[in-house]
């Protein structure tokens, strides 16, 4: 079960990181605080994926759940962090 959760977390973190990296803002306004949050999410999810990939970490049920939820939110917003934050408020 632990290997399955770890693989699920790895795929979720990698997918989230790649989606955020590939986001194109188009005509949207540039906002520094949103860019900073997006950068922090890219660093955090990329680091977590690398830790799991390099066998330095294992995912628990809670961590896999958080990774899946974050991945869902980012994919639903098409990588637009401002939309994620706006939908929370």
N, C-alpha and C. Protein backbone atom coordinates (compact mmCIF):
# COMPACT_ATOMS: atom_id res chain seq x y z
N UNK A 1 0.82 -1.20 0.00
CA UNK A 1 0.00 0.00 0.00
C UNK A 1 0.86 1.26 0.00
N UNK A 2 1.97 1.22 0.72
CA UNK A 2 2.85 2.39 0.80
C UNK A 2 3.45 2.71 -0.56
N UNK A 3 3.83 1.68 -1.31
CA UNK A 3 4.40 1.93 -2.64
C UNK A 3 3.37 2.56 -3.58
N UNK A 4 2.14 2.15 -3.47
CA UNK A 4 1.08 2.72 -4.30
C UNK A 4 0.85 4.18 -3.96
N UNK A 5 0.79 4.49 -2.66
CA UNK A 5 0.61 5.87 -2.23
C UNK A 5 1.80 6.74 -2.66
N UNK A 6 2.99 6.19 -2.55
CA UNK A 6 4.19 6.93 -2.94
C UNK A 6 4.19 7.21 -4.43
N UNK A 7 3.84 6.23 -5.23
CA UNK A 7 3.76 6.41 -6.68
C UNK A 7 2.68 7.43 -7.04
N UNK A 8 1.55 7.36 -6.36
CA UNK A 8 0.47 8.32 -6.60
C UNK A 8 0.91 9.74 -6.27
N UNK A 9 1.61 9.90 -5.15
CA UNK A 9 2.11 11.22 -4.76
C UNK A 9 3.16 11.72 -5.75
N UNK A 10 4.04 10.83 -6.19
CA UNK A 10 5.08 11.20 -7.17
C UNK A 10 4.45 11.70 -8.46
N UNK A 11 3.49 10.97 -8.98
CA UNK A 11 2.84 11.37 -10.23
C UNK A 11 2.06 12.68 -10.05
N UNK A 12 1.43 12.85 -8.91
CA UNK A 12 0.68 14.08 -8.65
C UNK A 12 1.61 15.28 -8.55
N UNK A 13 2.70 15.14 -7.81
CA UNK A 13 3.65 16.24 -7.68
C UNK A 13 4.28 16.59 -9.03
N UNK A 14 4.69 15.58 -9.78
CA UNK A 14 5.31 15.83 -11.08
C UNK A 14 4.34 16.49 -12.05
N UNK A 15 3.10 16.01 -12.06
CA UNK A 15 2.08 16.59 -12.94
C UNK A 15 1.79 18.04 -12.58
N UNK A 16 1.70 18.32 -11.29
CA UNK A 16 1.45 19.69 -10.82
C UNK A 16 2.60 20.61 -11.21
N UNK A 17 3.81 20.16 -10.97
CA UNK A 17 4.99 20.96 -11.29
C UNK A 17 5.07 21.25 -12.78
N UNK A 18 4.87 20.25 -13.61
CA UNK A 18 4.93 20.45 -15.05
C UNK A 18 3.83 21.37 -15.56
N UNK A 19 2.63 21.24 -15.00
CA UNK A 19 1.53 22.09 -15.44
C UNK A 19 1.80 23.55 -15.09
N UNK A 20 2.35 23.77 -13.89
CA UNK A 20 2.67 25.14 -13.50
C UNK A 20 3.81 25.71 -14.34
N UNK A 21 4.78 24.88 -14.67
CA UNK A 21 5.90 25.33 -15.49
C UNK A 21 5.46 25.68 -16.91
N UNK A 22 4.45 25.00 -17.42
CA UNK A 22 4.01 25.20 -18.79
C UNK A 22 2.91 26.25 -18.94
N UNK A 23 2.54 26.91 -17.85
CA UNK A 23 1.47 27.91 -17.90
C UNK A 23 1.92 29.13 -18.71
N UNK A 24 1.05 29.57 -19.59
CA UNK A 24 1.28 30.80 -20.36
C UNK A 24 0.18 31.77 -19.99
N UNK A 25 0.56 32.95 -19.57
CA UNK A 25 -0.43 33.90 -19.07
C UNK A 25 -1.19 34.62 -20.16
N UNK A 26 -0.68 34.63 -21.38
CA UNK A 26 -1.39 35.29 -22.47
C UNK A 26 -1.58 36.77 -22.19
N UNK A 27 -2.84 37.23 -22.18
CA UNK A 27 -3.15 38.63 -21.96
C UNK A 27 -3.39 38.98 -20.50
N UNK A 28 -3.24 38.01 -19.61
CA UNK A 28 -3.48 38.26 -18.19
C UNK A 28 -2.43 39.20 -17.63
N UNK A 29 -2.84 39.98 -16.64
CA UNK A 29 -1.91 40.91 -16.00
C UNK A 29 -0.89 40.15 -15.15
N UNK A 30 0.31 40.70 -15.09
CA UNK A 30 1.34 40.11 -14.25
C UNK A 30 1.21 40.67 -12.85
N UNK A 31 1.08 39.78 -11.87
CA UNK A 31 1.01 40.20 -10.48
C UNK A 31 2.12 39.49 -9.72
N UNK A 32 2.95 40.27 -9.09
CA UNK A 32 4.15 39.74 -8.44
C UNK A 32 3.81 38.73 -7.35
N UNK A 33 2.84 39.00 -6.52
CA UNK A 33 2.52 38.09 -5.43
C UNK A 33 1.98 36.76 -5.94
N UNK A 34 1.24 36.76 -7.02
CA UNK A 34 0.75 35.51 -7.61
C UNK A 34 1.91 34.74 -8.23
N UNK A 35 2.83 35.46 -8.88
CA UNK A 35 4.00 34.81 -9.46
C UNK A 35 4.87 34.17 -8.38
N UNK A 36 4.97 34.83 -7.24
CA UNK A 36 5.76 34.29 -6.13
C UNK A 36 5.12 33.01 -5.58
N UNK A 37 3.80 33.00 -5.45
CA UNK A 37 3.10 31.81 -4.99
C UNK A 37 3.28 30.67 -6.00
N UNK A 38 3.17 30.99 -7.28
CA UNK A 38 3.36 29.96 -8.31
C UNK A 38 4.78 29.41 -8.27
N UNK A 39 5.76 30.29 -8.09
CA UNK A 39 7.15 29.85 -8.02
C UNK A 39 7.36 28.94 -6.81
N UNK A 40 6.79 29.30 -5.67
CA UNK A 40 6.91 28.47 -4.47
C UNK A 40 6.26 27.11 -4.67
N UNK A 41 5.13 27.08 -5.34
CA UNK A 41 4.47 25.80 -5.63
C UNK A 41 5.31 24.94 -6.58
N UNK A 42 5.92 25.57 -7.57
CA UNK A 42 6.79 24.82 -8.49
C UNK A 42 7.97 24.22 -7.74
N UNK A 43 8.60 25.02 -6.90
CA UNK A 43 9.76 24.54 -6.13
C UNK A 43 9.34 23.43 -5.17
N UNK A 44 8.23 23.62 -4.47
CA UNK A 44 7.80 22.64 -3.48
C UNK A 44 7.39 21.31 -4.12
N UNK A 45 6.61 21.39 -5.19
CA UNK A 45 6.17 20.15 -5.82
C UNK A 45 7.31 19.46 -6.56
N UNK A 46 8.18 20.24 -7.18
CA UNK A 46 9.34 19.64 -7.85
C UNK A 46 10.29 18.98 -6.87
N UNK A 47 10.53 19.64 -5.75
CA UNK A 47 11.40 19.07 -4.72
C UNK A 47 10.80 17.80 -4.14
N UNK A 48 9.51 17.82 -3.87
CA UNK A 48 8.85 16.63 -3.33
C UNK A 48 8.91 15.46 -4.31
N UNK A 49 8.70 15.75 -5.59
CA UNK A 49 8.78 14.69 -6.60
C UNK A 49 10.20 14.12 -6.68
N UNK A 50 11.19 15.01 -6.64
CA UNK A 50 12.58 14.54 -6.68
C UNK A 50 12.95 13.73 -5.45
N UNK A 51 12.48 14.14 -4.28
CA UNK A 51 12.76 13.38 -3.07
C UNK A 51 12.21 11.97 -3.16
N UNK A 52 10.98 11.85 -3.64
CA UNK A 52 10.39 10.53 -3.79
C UNK A 52 11.12 9.74 -4.86
N UNK A 53 11.44 10.39 -5.96
CA UNK A 53 12.11 9.72 -7.08
C UNK A 53 13.49 9.20 -6.69
N UNK A 54 14.19 9.97 -5.88
CA UNK A 54 15.53 9.57 -5.44
C UNK A 54 15.50 8.69 -4.20
N UNK A 55 14.32 8.24 -3.82
CA UNK A 55 14.11 7.30 -2.72
C UNK A 55 14.50 7.86 -1.36
N UNK A 56 14.30 9.15 -1.18
CA UNK A 56 14.56 9.76 0.12
C UNK A 56 13.28 9.94 0.92
N UNK A 57 12.16 9.66 0.33
CA UNK A 57 10.91 9.89 1.04
C UNK A 57 9.84 8.89 0.64
N UNK A 58 8.91 8.73 1.53
CA UNK A 58 7.74 7.90 1.28
C UNK A 58 6.51 8.70 1.61
N UNK A 59 5.47 8.45 0.90
CA UNK A 59 4.24 9.22 1.09
C UNK A 59 3.27 8.46 1.99
N UNK A 60 2.69 9.19 2.91
CA UNK A 60 1.64 8.63 3.74
C UNK A 60 0.30 8.86 3.05
N UNK A 61 -0.75 8.36 3.66
CA UNK A 61 -2.09 8.55 3.09
C UNK A 61 -2.43 10.04 3.01
N UNK A 62 -2.11 10.76 4.05
CA UNK A 62 -2.40 12.20 4.08
C UNK A 62 -1.63 12.97 3.03
N UNK A 63 -0.34 12.67 2.88
CA UNK A 63 0.47 13.37 1.89
C UNK A 63 0.00 13.08 0.48
N UNK A 64 -0.35 11.83 0.22
CA UNK A 64 -0.87 11.48 -1.11
C UNK A 64 -2.19 12.20 -1.38
N UNK A 65 -3.02 12.33 -0.35
CA UNK A 65 -4.29 13.04 -0.49
C UNK A 65 -4.09 14.52 -0.79
N UNK A 66 -3.13 15.14 -0.10
CA UNK A 66 -2.83 16.54 -0.34
C UNK A 66 -2.27 16.73 -1.75
N UNK A 67 -1.38 15.83 -2.16
CA UNK A 67 -0.79 15.91 -3.50
C UNK A 67 -1.86 15.78 -4.58
N UNK A 68 -2.78 14.85 -4.39
CA UNK A 68 -3.86 14.67 -5.37
C UNK A 68 -4.80 15.88 -5.41
N UNK A 69 -5.11 16.43 -4.26
CA UNK A 69 -5.99 17.60 -4.21
C UNK A 69 -5.34 18.79 -4.90
N UNK A 70 -4.07 19.02 -4.61
CA UNK A 70 -3.35 20.13 -5.24
C UNK A 70 -3.27 19.91 -6.75
N UNK A 71 -2.99 18.70 -7.16
CA UNK A 71 -2.92 18.38 -8.59
C UNK A 71 -4.27 18.64 -9.26
N UNK A 72 -5.34 18.24 -8.62
CA UNK A 72 -6.67 18.48 -9.17
C UNK A 72 -6.95 19.97 -9.33
N UNK A 73 -6.63 20.75 -8.30
CA UNK A 73 -6.89 22.19 -8.35
C UNK A 73 -6.08 22.87 -9.44
N UNK A 74 -4.82 22.50 -9.58
CA UNK A 74 -3.97 23.11 -10.59
C UNK A 74 -4.43 22.71 -11.99
N UNK A 75 -4.77 21.44 -12.18
CA UNK A 75 -5.23 21.00 -13.50
C UNK A 75 -6.56 21.66 -13.85
N UNK A 76 -7.44 21.79 -12.87
CA UNK A 76 -8.74 22.42 -13.12
C UNK A 76 -8.60 23.89 -13.49
N UNK A 77 -7.63 24.57 -12.88
CA UNK A 77 -7.39 25.98 -13.16
C UNK A 77 -6.47 26.16 -14.37
N UNK A 78 -6.08 25.07 -15.00
CA UNK A 78 -5.18 25.07 -16.15
C UNK A 78 -3.86 25.77 -15.85
N UNK A 79 -3.38 25.59 -14.63
CA UNK A 79 -2.09 26.14 -14.24
C UNK A 79 -2.13 27.58 -13.77
N UNK A 80 -3.29 28.19 -13.77
CA UNK A 80 -3.43 29.59 -13.38
C UNK A 80 -3.62 29.67 -11.86
N UNK A 81 -2.56 30.04 -11.15
CA UNK A 81 -2.59 30.09 -9.70
C UNK A 81 -3.56 31.16 -9.22
N UNK A 82 -3.71 32.24 -9.95
CA UNK A 82 -4.65 33.29 -9.57
C UNK A 82 -6.08 32.74 -9.51
N UNK A 83 -6.44 31.86 -10.42
CA UNK A 83 -7.77 31.26 -10.39
C UNK A 83 -7.97 30.36 -9.17
N UNK A 84 -6.92 29.68 -8.77
CA UNK A 84 -7.00 28.83 -7.57
C UNK A 84 -7.22 29.71 -6.35
N UNK A 85 -6.44 30.77 -6.23
CA UNK A 85 -6.56 31.64 -5.07
C UNK A 85 -7.90 32.37 -5.09
N UNK A 86 -8.34 32.80 -6.24
CA UNK A 86 -9.61 33.51 -6.37
C UNK A 86 -10.77 32.60 -5.99
N UNK A 87 -10.72 31.32 -6.32
CA UNK A 87 -11.82 30.41 -6.01
C UNK A 87 -11.88 30.08 -4.52
N UNK A 88 -10.77 30.25 -3.82
CA UNK A 88 -10.75 30.00 -2.38
C UNK A 88 -11.40 31.15 -1.63
N UNK A 89 -11.20 32.36 -2.10
CA UNK A 89 -11.72 33.56 -1.41
C UNK A 89 -13.18 33.66 -1.52
